[in-house]
Amino acid sequence: MRISVDIGFGYVKAENEEGKSILFPSVVGLRRASNVAGVFGEQFDDYIVTIKKGDEDQNSYYVGDAGLTSGGTRTWEDEHAKNRNLEVLIATAMGILNEKEEPVELAVGLPMNVFSAQHEELKRKLTGLSLDVSVEGERQPKNSKIQVSSVFVFPQGAGAYYAALHNIDGSVKDANLLNKPLAVIEIGFRTTDFLFMSLGKRGLQPRPEPFTGSLDIGMNTAQTEIQQAAKKELGGYEPDLKEIEKALLWPGMNGILTAKGKSIDLKPFRKQANENVASRIISQLKQRWRDEVNTLSSVMIGGGGGDDLYSHFEQAFGITQKVENPQFANAKGFLAAQALALRAAGRG
């Protein structure tokens, strides 16, 4: 079973070769025994995940929205293979998506700025991973034996590029974009990756830095700005960023933050913060690309911030297109790139 997992700083996006996909916050908290479950029952958000690795003791975790509810954390280690939540997040995605319990051919990604230095280490860490995984959530509990047979690691901006041109089976999606010079801007939670593809004598090739790379700006930058605006409204009390996130993204909260006995509508703050983040990204990319942007046929927008910020990029570049389902652009693109790599190796 081919499965791609885009392990974002903010959210995990994953998809299997049959097109089934899942999305959940990259938040993990250790599950402990509850003293009140017998009184109130144990109602929980997705997911409670139990993992056993070899002869080690099994551990249970709150993952995703359940992690947000239970005070879990995001981990942002500079060396991605050493992220202590990595196996839990990937195991959760594979446990849900590996419906046939087949060996998994896994595709994952890394930010552009660390790909060259870290992709081999990440591949070594995940290849051969063997776990017993139980996932409880809205569905019936699902128990799986996970065996990772192969690992493909791709740059995150390249994932969005392949998603724009190819379907997840590697077939061509948009023939008009093939062999055309274009750029991809992939707006994530913590970083924005960008890829500049130029037409050379032997075909398309990525331009090196400063044309291709990563910016340390993302949708978390906007959330931090919203947090500071809310702090002023609350007389100096600074709400936790996870509370800001829940208010903005959970449907039942409708953008309303409740704290210190007050209810604050965050939606106007979000509009201004999104505009500011988009402006910063556009300014830095224009400095990097300068007049070379005029050689492009299109600027493709993907990533979790693709929908929220698209209109700003459309105004700035004029030749902008949005990758279909931008939040899943990397997950879909990794599958497409994996399919092409397997076909080139005679395995597709």
Protein backbone atom coordinates (compact mmCIF):
# COMPACT_ATOMS: atom_id res chain seq x y z
CA MET A 1 0.00 0.00 0.00
CA ARG A 2 1.43 3.36 -1.03
CA ILE A 3 0.88 6.05 1.63
CA SER A 4 2.18 9.61 1.75
CA VAL A 5 2.43 11.56 4.99
CA ASP A 6 3.10 15.29 4.94
CA ILE A 7 4.34 15.84 8.50
CA GLY A 8 3.80 19.56 8.78
CA PHE A 9 4.79 21.64 11.80
CA GLY A 10 1.12 22.46 12.24
CA TYR A 11 -0.86 19.63 10.66
CA VAL A 12 -0.42 16.13 9.33
CA LYS A 13 -1.89 15.57 5.88
CA ALA A 14 -1.84 12.01 4.60
CA GLU A 15 -3.27 10.09 1.65
CA ASN A 16 -3.16 6.52 0.33
CA GLU A 17 -2.96 5.25 -3.23
CA GLU A 18 -6.74 4.83 -3.35
CA GLY A 19 -7.27 8.54 -2.69
CA LYS A 20 -8.44 8.31 0.93
CA SER A 21 -7.04 11.22 2.95
CA ILE A 22 -6.93 12.45 6.55
CA LEU A 23 -5.95 15.69 8.25
CA PHE A 24 -5.18 16.32 11.92
CA PRO A 25 -3.10 18.74 14.04
CA SER A 26 0.51 17.65 14.64
CA VAL A 27 -0.13 17.62 18.38
CA VAL A 28 0.70 14.70 20.69
CA GLY A 29 0.08 14.25 24.39
CA LEU A 30 0.81 11.21 26.55
CA ARG A 31 -2.41 9.54 27.67
CA ARG A 32 -2.78 8.96 31.38
CA ALA A 33 -5.41 7.15 33.42
CA SER A 34 -8.49 9.29 34.05
CA ASN A 35 -9.96 9.69 37.53
CA VAL A 36 -13.27 11.02 36.21
CA ALA A 37 -13.94 8.78 33.20
CA GLY A 38 -16.29 6.62 35.24
CA VAL A 39 -18.34 9.67 36.21
CA PHE A 40 -18.59 11.46 32.86
CA GLY A 41 -17.70 8.65 30.48
CA GLU A 42 -14.71 9.04 28.22
CA GLN A 43 -15.74 11.20 25.31
CA PHE A 44 -12.75 12.25 23.23
CA ASP A 45 -11.81 13.88 19.96
CA ASP A 46 -9.76 12.09 17.30
CA TYR A 47 -7.47 10.26 18.15
CA ILE A 48 -6.36 7.98 20.97
CA VAL A 49 -3.43 5.99 19.61
CA THR A 50 -1.69 3.03 21.26
CA ILE A 51 1.67 1.93 19.86
CA LYS A 52 3.86 -1.07 20.59
CA LYS A 53 7.30 -1.32 19.00
CA GLY A 54 9.05 -4.66 19.23
CA ASP A 55 9.74 -5.70 22.83
CA GLU A 56 9.21 -2.18 24.17
CA ASP A 57 6.27 -1.39 26.45
CA GLN A 58 3.23 -0.02 24.65
CA ASN A 59 2.29 3.63 25.11
CA SER A 60 -0.96 5.48 24.50
CA TYR A 61 -1.23 9.03 23.19
CA TYR A 62 -3.76 11.74 22.51
CA VAL A 63 -3.16 12.78 18.90
CA GLY A 64 -4.59 15.55 16.74
CA ASP A 65 -7.64 17.38 18.09
CA ALA A 66 -7.48 15.08 21.13
CA GLY A 67 -3.95 16.34 21.68
CA LEU A 68 -5.13 19.95 21.50
CA THR A 69 -7.89 19.22 24.02
CA SER A 70 -5.60 17.39 26.45
CA GLY A 71 -2.75 19.91 26.47
CA GLY A 72 -0.47 18.06 24.05
CA THR A 73 2.42 19.73 22.26
CA ARG A 74 3.90 20.30 18.83
CA THR A 75 7.60 19.50 18.59
CA TRP A 76 9.79 21.52 16.23
CA GLU A 77 13.25 19.97 16.42
CA ASP A 78 15.68 21.32 13.82
CA GLU A 79 16.71 17.74 13.01
CA HIS A 80 13.44 16.26 11.78
CA ALA A 81 14.43 12.61 12.24
CA LYS A 82 14.88 13.31 15.96
CA ASN A 83 11.38 14.72 16.41
CA ARG A 84 10.03 12.71 19.35
CA ASN A 85 6.49 12.89 17.94
CA LEU A 86 7.50 11.72 14.46
CA GLU A 87 6.75 8.01 14.86
CA VAL A 88 3.47 8.68 16.67
CA LEU A 89 2.19 11.00 13.94
CA ILE A 90 3.24 8.71 11.09
CA ALA A 91 1.91 5.62 12.89
CA THR A 92 -1.46 7.34 13.36
CA ALA A 93 -1.72 8.17 9.66
CA MET A 94 -0.61 4.71 8.52
CA GLY A 95 -2.84 2.99 11.07
CA ILE A 96 -5.89 4.73 9.60
CA LEU A 97 -4.98 4.62 5.90
CA ASN A 98 -3.44 1.14 5.57
CA GLU A 99 -6.82 -0.52 5.28
CA LYS A 100 -5.49 -3.71 3.69
CA GLU A 101 -2.68 -4.13 6.25
CA GLU A 102 -0.12 -4.50 3.48
CA PRO A 103 3.56 -3.53 3.72
CA VAL A 104 3.69 0.26 3.36
CA GLU A 105 5.65 2.07 0.67
CA LEU A 106 5.92 5.39 2.49
CA ALA A 107 6.43 8.84 0.95
CA VAL A 108 7.30 11.81 3.18
CA GLY A 109 8.82 15.26 2.78
CA LEU A 110 11.19 17.78 4.31
CA PRO A 111 11.40 21.58 4.05
CA MET A 112 13.56 22.81 1.20
CA ASN A 113 16.18 24.34 3.48
CA VAL A 114 17.02 21.05 5.23
CA PHE A 115 16.29 18.48 2.54
CA SER A 116 19.87 17.94 1.30
CA ALA A 117 21.29 17.61 4.81
CA GLN A 118 18.56 15.48 6.39
CA HIS A 119 16.77 13.30 3.85
CA GLU A 120 19.10 10.30 4.16
CA GLU A 121 18.83 10.26 7.96
CA LEU A 122 15.03 10.46 7.80
CA LYS A 123 14.93 7.64 5.27
CA ARG A 124 17.11 5.44 7.51
CA LYS A 125 14.94 6.14 10.56
CA LEU A 126 11.68 5.16 8.86
CA THR A 127 12.74 2.29 6.60
CA GLY A 128 11.82 -1.05 8.15
CA LEU A 129 9.72 0.55 10.89
CA SER A 130 7.52 -2.15 12.45
CA LEU A 131 4.71 -1.26 14.86
CA ASP A 132 1.48 -2.57 16.34
CA VAL A 133 -0.93 0.36 16.21
CA SER A 134 -4.42 0.84 17.62
CA VAL A 135 -6.35 3.99 16.68
CA GLU A 136 -9.57 4.99 18.45
CA GLY A 137 -11.66 7.89 17.25
CA GLU A 138 -15.01 8.60 15.67
CA ARG A 139 -14.86 5.21 13.99
CA GLN A 140 -14.62 1.81 15.61
CA PRO A 141 -11.17 1.10 17.09
CA LYS A 142 -8.78 -0.05 14.38
CA ASN A 143 -5.86 -2.36 15.14
CA SER A 144 -3.07 -2.68 12.60
CA LYS A 145 0.34 -4.22 12.16
CA ILE A 146 2.45 -1.68 10.29
CA GLN A 147 5.56 -2.65 8.34
CA VAL A 148 7.33 0.03 6.30
CA SER A 149 8.98 -1.66 3.33
CA SER A 150 10.38 1.43 1.57
CA VAL A 151 10.68 5.17 2.12
CA PHE A 152 10.77 7.98 -0.44
CA VAL A 153 11.71 11.46 0.81
CA PHE A 154 10.92 14.55 -1.28
CA PRO A 155 11.33 18.33 -0.83
CA GLN A 156 8.05 19.89 0.27
CA GLY A 157 7.84 22.47 -2.51
CA ALA A 158 8.43 19.70 -5.05
CA GLY A 159 5.38 17.91 -3.65
CA ALA A 160 3.15 20.84 -4.54
CA TYR A 161 4.81 21.00 -7.98
CA TYR A 162 4.02 17.35 -8.74
CA ALA A 163 0.48 17.78 -7.40
CA ALA A 164 -0.10 20.56 -9.94
CA LEU A 165 1.08 18.43 -12.88
CA HIS A 166 0.23 14.83 -11.96
CA ASN A 167 -2.42 12.64 -10.37
CA ILE A 168 -1.47 10.40 -7.44
CA ASP A 169 -0.89 7.45 -9.80
CA GLY A 170 1.68 9.48 -11.75
CA SER A 171 -0.53 10.14 -14.77
CA VAL A 172 -0.55 13.63 -16.24
CA LYS A 173 -3.18 15.95 -14.76
CA ASP A 174 -2.39 19.20 -16.58
CA ALA A 175 -0.60 18.82 -19.91
CA ASN A 176 -0.59 22.60 -20.37
CA LEU A 177 1.84 22.97 -17.45
CA LEU A 178 4.25 20.26 -18.56
CA ASN A 179 7.60 21.67 -19.69
CA LYS A 180 6.55 25.20 -18.77
CA PRO A 181 8.67 27.40 -16.49
CA LEU A 182 6.79 27.99 -13.27
CA ALA A 183 7.20 28.69 -9.57
CA VAL A 184 5.50 27.04 -6.61
CA ILE A 185 4.82 28.77 -3.28
CA GLU A 186 3.85 26.29 -0.56
CA ILE A 187 2.60 28.13 2.54
CA GLY A 188 2.84 25.93 5.61
CA PHE A 189 2.26 26.38 9.33
CA ARG A 190 5.79 27.40 10.29
CA THR A 191 7.60 27.81 6.96
CA THR A 192 6.92 28.75 3.35
CA ASP A 193 8.76 26.65 0.77
CA PHE A 194 9.23 27.91 -2.78
CA LEU A 195 10.48 26.29 -5.97
CA PHE A 196 11.51 28.13 -9.15
CA MET A 197 11.57 25.92 -12.25
CA SER A 198 13.38 27.45 -15.25
CA LEU A 199 13.52 26.21 -18.81
CA GLY A 200 17.07 25.19 -19.76
CA LYS A 201 18.59 23.65 -22.86
CA ARG A 202 17.82 20.16 -21.57
CA GLY A 203 14.41 20.95 -20.16
CA LEU A 204 13.06 22.20 -16.86
CA GLN A 205 15.40 22.46 -13.91
CA PRO A 206 15.10 23.99 -10.44
CA ARG A 207 17.00 27.20 -9.87
CA PRO A 208 19.22 27.11 -6.75
CA GLU A 209 19.17 29.58 -3.88
CA PRO A 210 18.06 32.34 -3.69
CA PHE A 211 15.36 31.37 -6.21
CA THR A 212 14.43 28.12 -4.44
CA GLY A 213 14.37 27.63 -0.69
CA SER A 214 12.40 28.24 2.52
CA LEU A 215 11.21 31.25 4.48
CA ASP A 216 10.69 31.09 8.23
CA ILE A 217 7.18 32.54 7.83
CA GLY A 218 3.88 30.67 7.85
CA MET A 219 0.36 30.59 9.18
CA ASN A 220 1.70 30.32 12.73
CA THR A 221 3.14 33.80 12.16
CA ALA A 222 -0.41 35.03 11.59
CA GLN A 223 -1.69 33.22 14.67
CA THR A 224 1.02 34.86 16.78
CA GLU A 225 -0.06 38.28 15.51
CA ILE A 226 -3.69 37.45 16.36
CA GLN A 227 -2.55 36.36 19.83
CA GLN A 228 -0.96 39.76 20.44
CA ALA A 229 -4.07 41.59 19.24
CA ALA A 230 -6.19 39.48 21.61
CA LYS A 231 -3.75 40.21 24.43
CA LYS A 232 -4.48 43.93 24.11
CA GLU A 233 -8.22 43.26 24.26
CA LEU A 234 -7.72 41.15 27.40
CA GLY A 235 -5.82 43.78 29.35
CA GLY A 236 -2.41 42.14 29.02
CA TYR A 237 -3.46 38.52 29.48
CA GLU A 238 -1.84 36.45 26.71
CA PRO A 239 -3.99 33.50 25.57
CA ASP A 240 -2.22 30.30 24.58
CA LEU A 241 -1.66 29.90 20.83
CA LYS A 242 -3.54 26.61 20.89
CA GLU A 243 -6.59 28.46 22.25
CA ILE A 244 -6.31 30.91 19.35
CA GLU A 245 -6.10 27.99 16.93
CA LYS A 246 -9.13 26.22 18.37
CA ALA A 247 -11.23 29.39 18.29
CA LEU A 248 -10.36 30.02 14.65
CA LEU A 249 -10.54 26.47 13.28
CA TRP A 250 -13.05 24.47 15.31
CA PRO A 251 -16.48 24.90 13.66
CA GLY A 252 -18.46 25.26 16.89
CA MET A 253 -16.34 28.19 18.11
CA ASN A 254 -16.86 30.37 15.00
CA GLY A 255 -13.78 32.49 15.63
CA ILE A 256 -14.81 33.47 19.16
CA LEU A 257 -12.18 33.31 21.91
CA THR A 258 -13.43 33.16 25.50
CA ALA A 259 -10.94 34.16 28.20
CA LYS A 260 -10.95 36.17 31.44
CA GLY A 261 -14.73 36.29 31.34
CA LYS A 262 -14.77 37.98 27.93
CA SER A 263 -15.64 36.77 24.42
CA ILE A 264 -13.57 38.24 21.59
CA ASP A 265 -14.24 37.89 17.86
CA LEU A 266 -10.87 37.00 16.30
CA LYS A 267 -12.02 37.10 12.68
CA PRO A 268 -11.14 40.79 12.08
CA PHE A 269 -7.69 40.19 13.59
CA ARG A 270 -7.24 37.15 11.33
CA LYS A 271 -7.99 39.17 8.20
CA GLN A 272 -5.31 41.74 9.04
CA ALA A 273 -2.77 39.12 10.14
CA ASN A 274 -3.23 37.12 6.92
CA GLU A 275 -2.70 40.27 4.88
CA ASN A 276 0.50 41.06 6.80
CA VAL A 277 1.91 37.53 6.41
CA ALA A 278 1.15 37.46 2.69
CA SER A 279 2.80 40.87 2.27
CA ARG A 280 5.98 39.67 4.01
CA ILE A 281 6.21 36.52 1.86
CA ILE A 282 5.55 38.42 -1.36
CA SER A 283 8.12 41.09 -0.50
CA GLN A 284 10.86 38.54 0.18
CA LEU A 285 10.10 36.51 -2.95
CA LYS A 286 10.10 39.58 -5.16
CA GLN A 287 13.52 40.49 -3.77
CA ARG A 288 14.77 37.01 -4.62
CA TRP A 289 13.14 36.58 -8.01
CA ARG A 290 13.32 40.20 -9.25
CA ASP A 291 12.71 40.46 -13.01
CA GLU A 292 13.15 36.70 -13.45
CA VAL A 293 9.52 36.28 -12.35
CA ASN A 294 8.57 37.61 -15.80
CA THR A 295 10.01 34.46 -17.41
CA LEU A 296 7.42 32.25 -15.70
CA SER A 297 4.20 30.94 -17.18
CA SER A 298 2.55 30.54 -13.77
CA VAL A 299 3.02 30.90 -10.02
CA MET A 300 1.29 27.99 -8.27
CA ILE A 301 0.01 28.41 -4.71
CA GLY A 302 -0.31 25.44 -2.34
CA GLY A 303 -0.06 24.55 1.34
CA GLY A 304 -2.29 24.99 4.36
CA GLY A 305 -2.31 28.77 3.85
CA GLY A 306 -3.07 28.50 0.15
CA ASP A 307 -6.79 29.19 0.42
CA ASP A 308 -6.50 31.98 3.00
CA LEU A 309 -3.71 33.90 1.26
CA TYR A 310 -4.35 33.16 -2.40
CA SER A 311 -6.04 36.46 -3.27
CA HIS A 312 -2.99 38.41 -2.07
CA PHE A 313 -0.63 36.43 -4.32
CA GLU A 314 -3.05 36.77 -7.22
CA GLN A 315 -2.86 40.54 -6.91
CA ALA A 316 0.94 40.53 -6.54
CA PHE A 317 1.93 38.27 -9.42
CA GLY A 318 -1.01 38.23 -11.83
CA ILE A 319 -0.11 34.81 -13.27
CA THR A 320 -1.15 32.93 -10.16
CA GLN A 321 -2.98 29.61 -9.99
CA LYS A 322 -4.09 27.67 -6.93
CA VAL A 323 -3.14 24.01 -6.72
CA GLU A 324 -6.26 21.88 -6.40
CA ASN A 325 -6.98 21.22 -2.69
CA PRO A 326 -3.88 23.23 -1.65
CA GLN A 327 -3.67 21.90 1.92
CA PHE A 328 -3.12 18.39 0.53
CA ALA A 329 -0.79 19.48 -2.28
CA ASN A 330 2.32 17.94 -0.73
CA ALA A 331 0.60 14.69 0.28
CA LYS A 332 -0.80 14.22 -3.22
CA GLY A 333 2.41 15.34 -4.87
CA PHE A 334 4.55 12.93 -2.84
CA LEU A 335 2.32 10.07 -4.02
CA ALA A 336 2.62 11.25 -7.63
CA ALA A 337 6.42 11.58 -7.41
CA GLN A 338 6.65 8.17 -5.72
CA ALA A 339 4.57 6.58 -8.51
CA LEU A 340 6.86 8.09 -11.15
CA ALA A 341 9.97 6.91 -9.27
CA LEU A 342 8.60 3.37 -8.96
CA ARG A 343 7.71 3.35 -12.66
CA ALA A 344 11.23 4.51 -13.59
CA ALA A 345 12.62 1.66 -11.50
CA GLY A 346 10.40 -0.84 -13.33
CA ARG A 347 8.10 -1.37 -10.30
CA GLY A 348 5.13 0.72 -11.35
